[in-house]
N, C-alpha and C. Protein backbone atom coordinates (compact mmCIF):
# COMPACT_ATOMS: atom_id res chain seq x y z
N MET A 1 -38.58 -4.75 -11.51
CA MET A 1 -37.55 -3.73 -10.30
C MET A 1 -36.49 -4.72 -9.84
N PHE A 2 -35.41 -4.13 -9.42
CA PHE A 2 -34.03 -4.96 -9.03
C PHE A 2 -34.65 -4.74 -7.59
N ASN A 3 -34.04 -6.03 -7.08
CA ASN A 3 -34.27 -6.12 -5.89
C ASN A 3 -32.95 -7.05 -5.51
N GLY A 4 -31.67 -7.04 -5.91
CA GLY A 4 -30.71 -7.73 -6.04
C GLY A 4 -29.55 -6.50 -4.88
N LYS A 5 -28.61 -7.12 -4.53
CA LYS A 5 -27.81 -6.17 -3.72
C LYS A 5 -26.75 -5.63 -4.18
N LEU A 6 -26.60 -4.06 -4.14
CA LEU A 6 -25.61 -3.37 -5.21
C LEU A 6 -24.43 -3.51 -4.48
N SER A 7 -23.57 -3.52 -5.25
CA SER A 7 -22.23 -3.47 -4.58
C SER A 7 -21.11 -2.26 -5.60
N LYS A 8 -19.92 -2.01 -4.65
CA LYS A 8 -19.38 -0.74 -5.36
C LYS A 8 -18.00 -1.28 -5.83
N VAL A 9 -18.19 -1.54 -7.36
CA VAL A 9 -16.78 -1.52 -8.02
C VAL A 9 -15.57 -0.57 -8.61
N VAL A 10 -14.71 -0.47 -8.19
CA VAL A 10 -13.81 0.80 -8.49
C VAL A 10 -12.73 0.10 -9.45
N ASN A 11 -12.97 0.90 -10.52
CA ASN A 11 -11.54 0.62 -11.53
C ASN A 11 -10.55 1.28 -11.74
N ARG A 12 -9.45 1.22 -11.43
CA ARG A 12 -8.45 2.03 -11.42
C ARG A 12 -7.89 1.51 -12.63
N GLY A 13 -7.13 2.71 -13.40
CA GLY A 13 -6.18 2.63 -14.25
C GLY A 13 -4.73 1.66 -13.83
N PRO A 14 -3.76 1.12 -15.02
CA PRO A 14 -2.85 0.72 -14.40
C PRO A 14 -1.49 1.46 -14.03
N GLU A 15 -1.82 2.87 -14.43
CA GLU A 15 -0.81 3.87 -13.39
C GLU A 15 -0.98 3.99 -11.97
N SER A 16 -2.32 4.19 -11.60
CA SER A 16 -2.73 3.75 -9.91
C SER A 16 -2.05 2.65 -9.62
N TRP A 17 -2.00 1.68 -10.13
CA TRP A 17 -1.15 0.31 -9.89
C TRP A 17 0.25 0.16 -9.73
N GLN A 18 0.67 1.04 -10.96
CA GLN A 18 2.03 0.84 -10.51
C GLN A 18 2.61 1.91 -9.45
N PHE A 19 1.57 3.21 -9.31
CA PHE A 19 1.81 3.96 -8.09
C PHE A 19 1.76 3.17 -6.64
N PHE A 20 0.87 2.48 -6.35
CA PHE A 20 0.69 1.49 -5.24
C PHE A 20 1.65 0.77 -5.22
N ALA A 21 2.32 -0.04 -6.27
CA ALA A 21 3.45 -1.12 -6.37
C ALA A 21 4.77 -0.11 -5.63
N PHE A 22 4.76 0.95 -6.12
CA PHE A 22 6.12 1.97 -5.89
C PHE A 22 5.83 1.95 -4.66
N VAL A 23 5.08 2.35 -4.18
CA VAL A 23 4.47 2.71 -2.74
C VAL A 23 5.06 1.85 -1.73
N PHE A 24 4.41 0.97 -2.11
CA PHE A 24 4.19 -0.65 -1.36
C PHE A 24 5.92 -0.81 -1.58
N ALA A 25 6.93 -0.87 -2.45
CA ALA A 25 8.33 -1.12 -2.35
C ALA A 25 9.03 -0.63 -1.47
N ALA A 26 8.57 0.83 -1.44
CA ALA A 26 9.29 1.87 -0.82
C ALA A 26 9.30 1.39 0.70
N ILE A 27 8.04 1.64 0.74
CA ILE A 27 7.71 1.41 2.72
C ILE A 27 8.42 0.45 2.96
N CYS A 28 7.92 -0.94 2.19
CA CYS A 28 8.80 -2.19 2.72
C CYS A 28 10.58 -2.11 2.83
N GLY A 29 10.75 -1.49 1.74
CA GLY A 29 12.31 -1.80 1.78
C GLY A 29 12.76 -0.63 2.66
N PHE A 30 11.90 0.28 3.24
CA PHE A 30 12.30 1.06 4.40
C PHE A 30 12.26 0.65 5.40
N GLY A 31 11.23 -0.26 5.97
CA GLY A 31 10.60 -0.55 6.79
C GLY A 31 11.86 -2.17 7.32
N LEU A 32 12.06 -3.01 6.33
CA LEU A 32 13.25 -4.18 6.28
C LEU A 32 14.85 -3.53 6.51
N SER A 33 14.93 -2.75 6.30
CA SER A 33 16.31 -2.24 6.60
C SER A 33 16.27 -1.08 7.95
N LEU A 34 15.41 -1.06 8.21
CA LEU A 34 15.01 -0.52 10.15
C LEU A 34 15.26 -1.85 10.83
N VAL A 35 14.72 -2.94 10.53
CA VAL A 35 14.85 -4.03 11.46
C VAL A 35 16.54 -4.57 11.60
N ASP A 36 16.69 -4.67 10.10
CA ASP A 36 17.93 -4.97 10.12
C ASP A 36 18.67 -3.91 10.74
N ASP A 37 18.92 -2.90 10.87
CA ASP A 37 19.50 -1.93 12.01
C ASP A 37 19.25 -1.56 13.06
N PHE A 38 17.88 -2.18 13.67
CA PHE A 38 17.86 -2.13 15.07
C PHE A 38 17.56 -3.42 16.03
N VAL A 39 17.21 -4.24 15.03
CA VAL A 39 16.94 -6.12 15.63
C VAL A 39 18.19 -6.37 15.79
N LYS A 40 18.62 -6.45 17.10
CA LYS A 40 20.40 -7.71 17.38
C LYS A 40 19.98 -8.86 17.10
N GLY A 41 18.91 -9.49 17.67
CA GLY A 41 18.71 -10.95 17.88
C GLY A 41 18.51 -11.56 16.28
N ALA A 42 19.08 -12.71 15.28
CA ALA A 42 18.40 -13.23 14.38
C ALA A 42 17.86 -13.84 14.56
N ILE A 43 17.19 -14.44 15.71
CA ILE A 43 15.91 -15.37 15.62
C ILE A 43 14.82 -14.52 15.49
N LEU A 44 14.85 -13.03 15.83
CA LEU A 44 13.68 -12.08 16.02
C LEU A 44 13.44 -11.19 14.64
N LYS A 45 14.66 -11.63 13.89
CA LYS A 45 14.62 -10.58 12.50
C LYS A 45 13.30 -11.27 11.67
N VAL A 46 13.22 -12.45 11.15
CA VAL A 46 12.37 -13.22 10.40
C VAL A 46 10.99 -12.90 10.45
N PRO A 47 10.60 -13.19 11.86
CA PRO A 47 9.14 -12.66 12.34
C PRO A 47 8.88 -11.49 12.45
N ILE A 48 9.71 -10.14 12.82
CA ILE A 48 9.30 -9.09 12.46
C ILE A 48 9.13 -8.70 10.94
N LYS A 49 10.11 -9.46 10.25
CA LYS A 49 10.24 -8.92 8.92
C LYS A 49 8.79 -9.18 8.16
N VAL A 50 8.74 -10.72 8.44
CA VAL A 50 6.91 -10.94 7.76
C VAL A 50 5.65 -10.11 8.25
N GLY A 51 6.02 -9.63 9.47
CA GLY A 51 5.24 -9.01 10.33
C GLY A 51 4.92 -7.59 9.51
N TRP A 52 6.07 -7.54 9.61
CA TRP A 52 6.08 -5.60 9.13
C TRP A 52 5.61 -5.56 7.06
N PHE A 53 5.72 -7.03 6.10
CA PHE A 53 5.69 -7.08 5.43
C PHE A 53 3.85 -7.29 4.90
N LEU A 54 3.48 -8.02 5.66
CA LEU A 54 2.08 -8.14 6.13
C LEU A 54 1.58 -7.00 6.32
N PHE A 55 1.66 -6.57 7.15
CA PHE A 55 1.00 -4.92 7.99
C PHE A 55 1.16 -4.11 6.77
N ALA A 56 2.44 -3.73 5.95
CA ALA A 56 2.32 -2.71 4.46
C ALA A 56 1.71 -3.43 3.49
N PHE A 57 1.42 -4.89 3.56
CA PHE A 57 0.61 -4.88 2.21
C PHE A 57 -0.76 -4.97 2.32
N TYR A 58 -1.48 -5.21 3.72
CA TYR A 58 -2.59 -4.78 4.08
C TYR A 58 -3.04 -3.44 4.32
N ILE A 59 -2.20 -2.69 4.91
CA ILE A 59 -2.34 -1.30 4.58
C ILE A 59 -2.27 -0.41 3.27
N LEU A 60 -1.38 -0.81 2.46
CA LEU A 60 -1.13 -0.12 1.17
C LEU A 60 -1.95 -0.68 -0.04
N MET A 61 -2.21 -2.45 0.20
CA MET A 61 -2.94 -2.90 -1.22
C MET A 61 -4.25 -3.51 -0.93
N VAL A 62 -4.75 -3.55 0.27
CA VAL A 62 -5.99 -4.07 0.53
C VAL A 62 -6.85 -2.96 1.21
N ASN A 63 -6.71 -2.20 1.80
CA ASN A 63 -7.47 -0.80 2.77
C ASN A 63 -7.96 -0.25 1.64
N ALA A 64 -9.30 -0.25 1.71
CA ALA A 64 -9.77 0.67 0.60
C ALA A 64 -9.87 2.30 1.03
N TRP A 65 -9.71 2.42 2.43
CA TRP A 65 -9.72 3.52 2.38
C TRP A 65 -8.17 4.31 2.55
N VAL A 66 -7.25 3.95 2.72
CA VAL A 66 -5.74 4.20 2.23
C VAL A 66 -5.53 4.20 0.86
N GLY A 67 -6.07 3.28 0.07
CA GLY A 67 -5.99 3.35 -1.38
C GLY A 67 -6.53 4.10 -1.86
N ASN A 68 -8.09 4.95 -1.49
CA ASN A 68 -8.54 6.03 -2.29
C ASN A 68 -7.44 7.17 -1.58
N ARG A 69 -7.21 7.06 -0.78
CA ARG A 69 -6.18 8.58 -0.21
C ARG A 69 -4.88 8.64 -1.06
N LEU A 70 -4.40 7.62 -1.53
CA LEU A 70 -3.27 7.43 -2.45
C LEU A 70 -3.40 7.49 -3.75
N VAL A 71 -4.86 7.62 -4.47
CA VAL A 71 -5.19 7.54 -5.66
C VAL A 71 -5.29 9.18 -5.71
N LYS A 72 -6.47 9.89 -4.77
CA LYS A 72 -6.04 11.51 -4.60
C LYS A 72 -4.77 11.85 -4.25
N PHE A 73 -3.91 11.10 -3.72
CA PHE A 73 -2.96 11.80 -3.52
C PHE A 73 -1.58 12.25 -5.41
N LEU A 74 -1.27 10.80 -5.80
CA LEU A 74 -1.45 10.54 -7.37
C LEU A 74 -2.30 11.73 -7.89
N MET A 75 -3.10 11.94 -7.99
CA MET A 75 -3.98 13.00 -8.76
C MET A 75 -3.43 14.12 -8.35
N TRP A 76 -3.17 14.40 -7.53
CA TRP A 76 -3.06 15.62 -7.24
C TRP A 76 -1.43 16.31 -7.79
N LEU A 77 -0.60 14.87 -7.73
CA LEU A 77 1.11 15.14 -8.15
C LEU A 77 0.77 15.49 -9.68
N LYS A 78 -0.22 14.81 -10.41
CA LYS A 78 -0.25 14.45 -11.76
C LYS A 78 -1.17 15.92 -12.46
N ARG A 79 -1.57 16.33 -11.25
CA ARG A 79 -2.09 18.08 -11.96
C ARG A 79 -1.03 19.06 -12.38
N GLN A 80 -1.42 19.26 -13.45
CA GLN A 80 -0.94 20.38 -14.48
C GLN A 80 -1.27 21.86 -14.21
N PRO A 81 -0.30 22.92 -14.01
CA PRO A 81 -0.70 24.25 -13.55
C PRO A 81 -1.14 24.80 -15.07
N GLN A 82 -2.33 25.51 -15.00
CA GLN A 82 -3.34 26.27 -15.97
C GLN A 82 -2.32 27.16 -16.33
């Protein structure tokens, strides 16, 4: 009988990781350009940009709930009409 602890492993294809990278780059680029436009103090720009990058990285690359929703969205986009 198996007495070990089960873990959940999700294997994603390379296409979904490319999609994650594209979405991550788009969100980071948009956020960093907003910081350049709205933050006037040069000393505040760097910590805000680093914070935005880390927040976007966590939400899009680490958080499993958001990752699963992005994969479902990718599958919805790839669906061919019958």
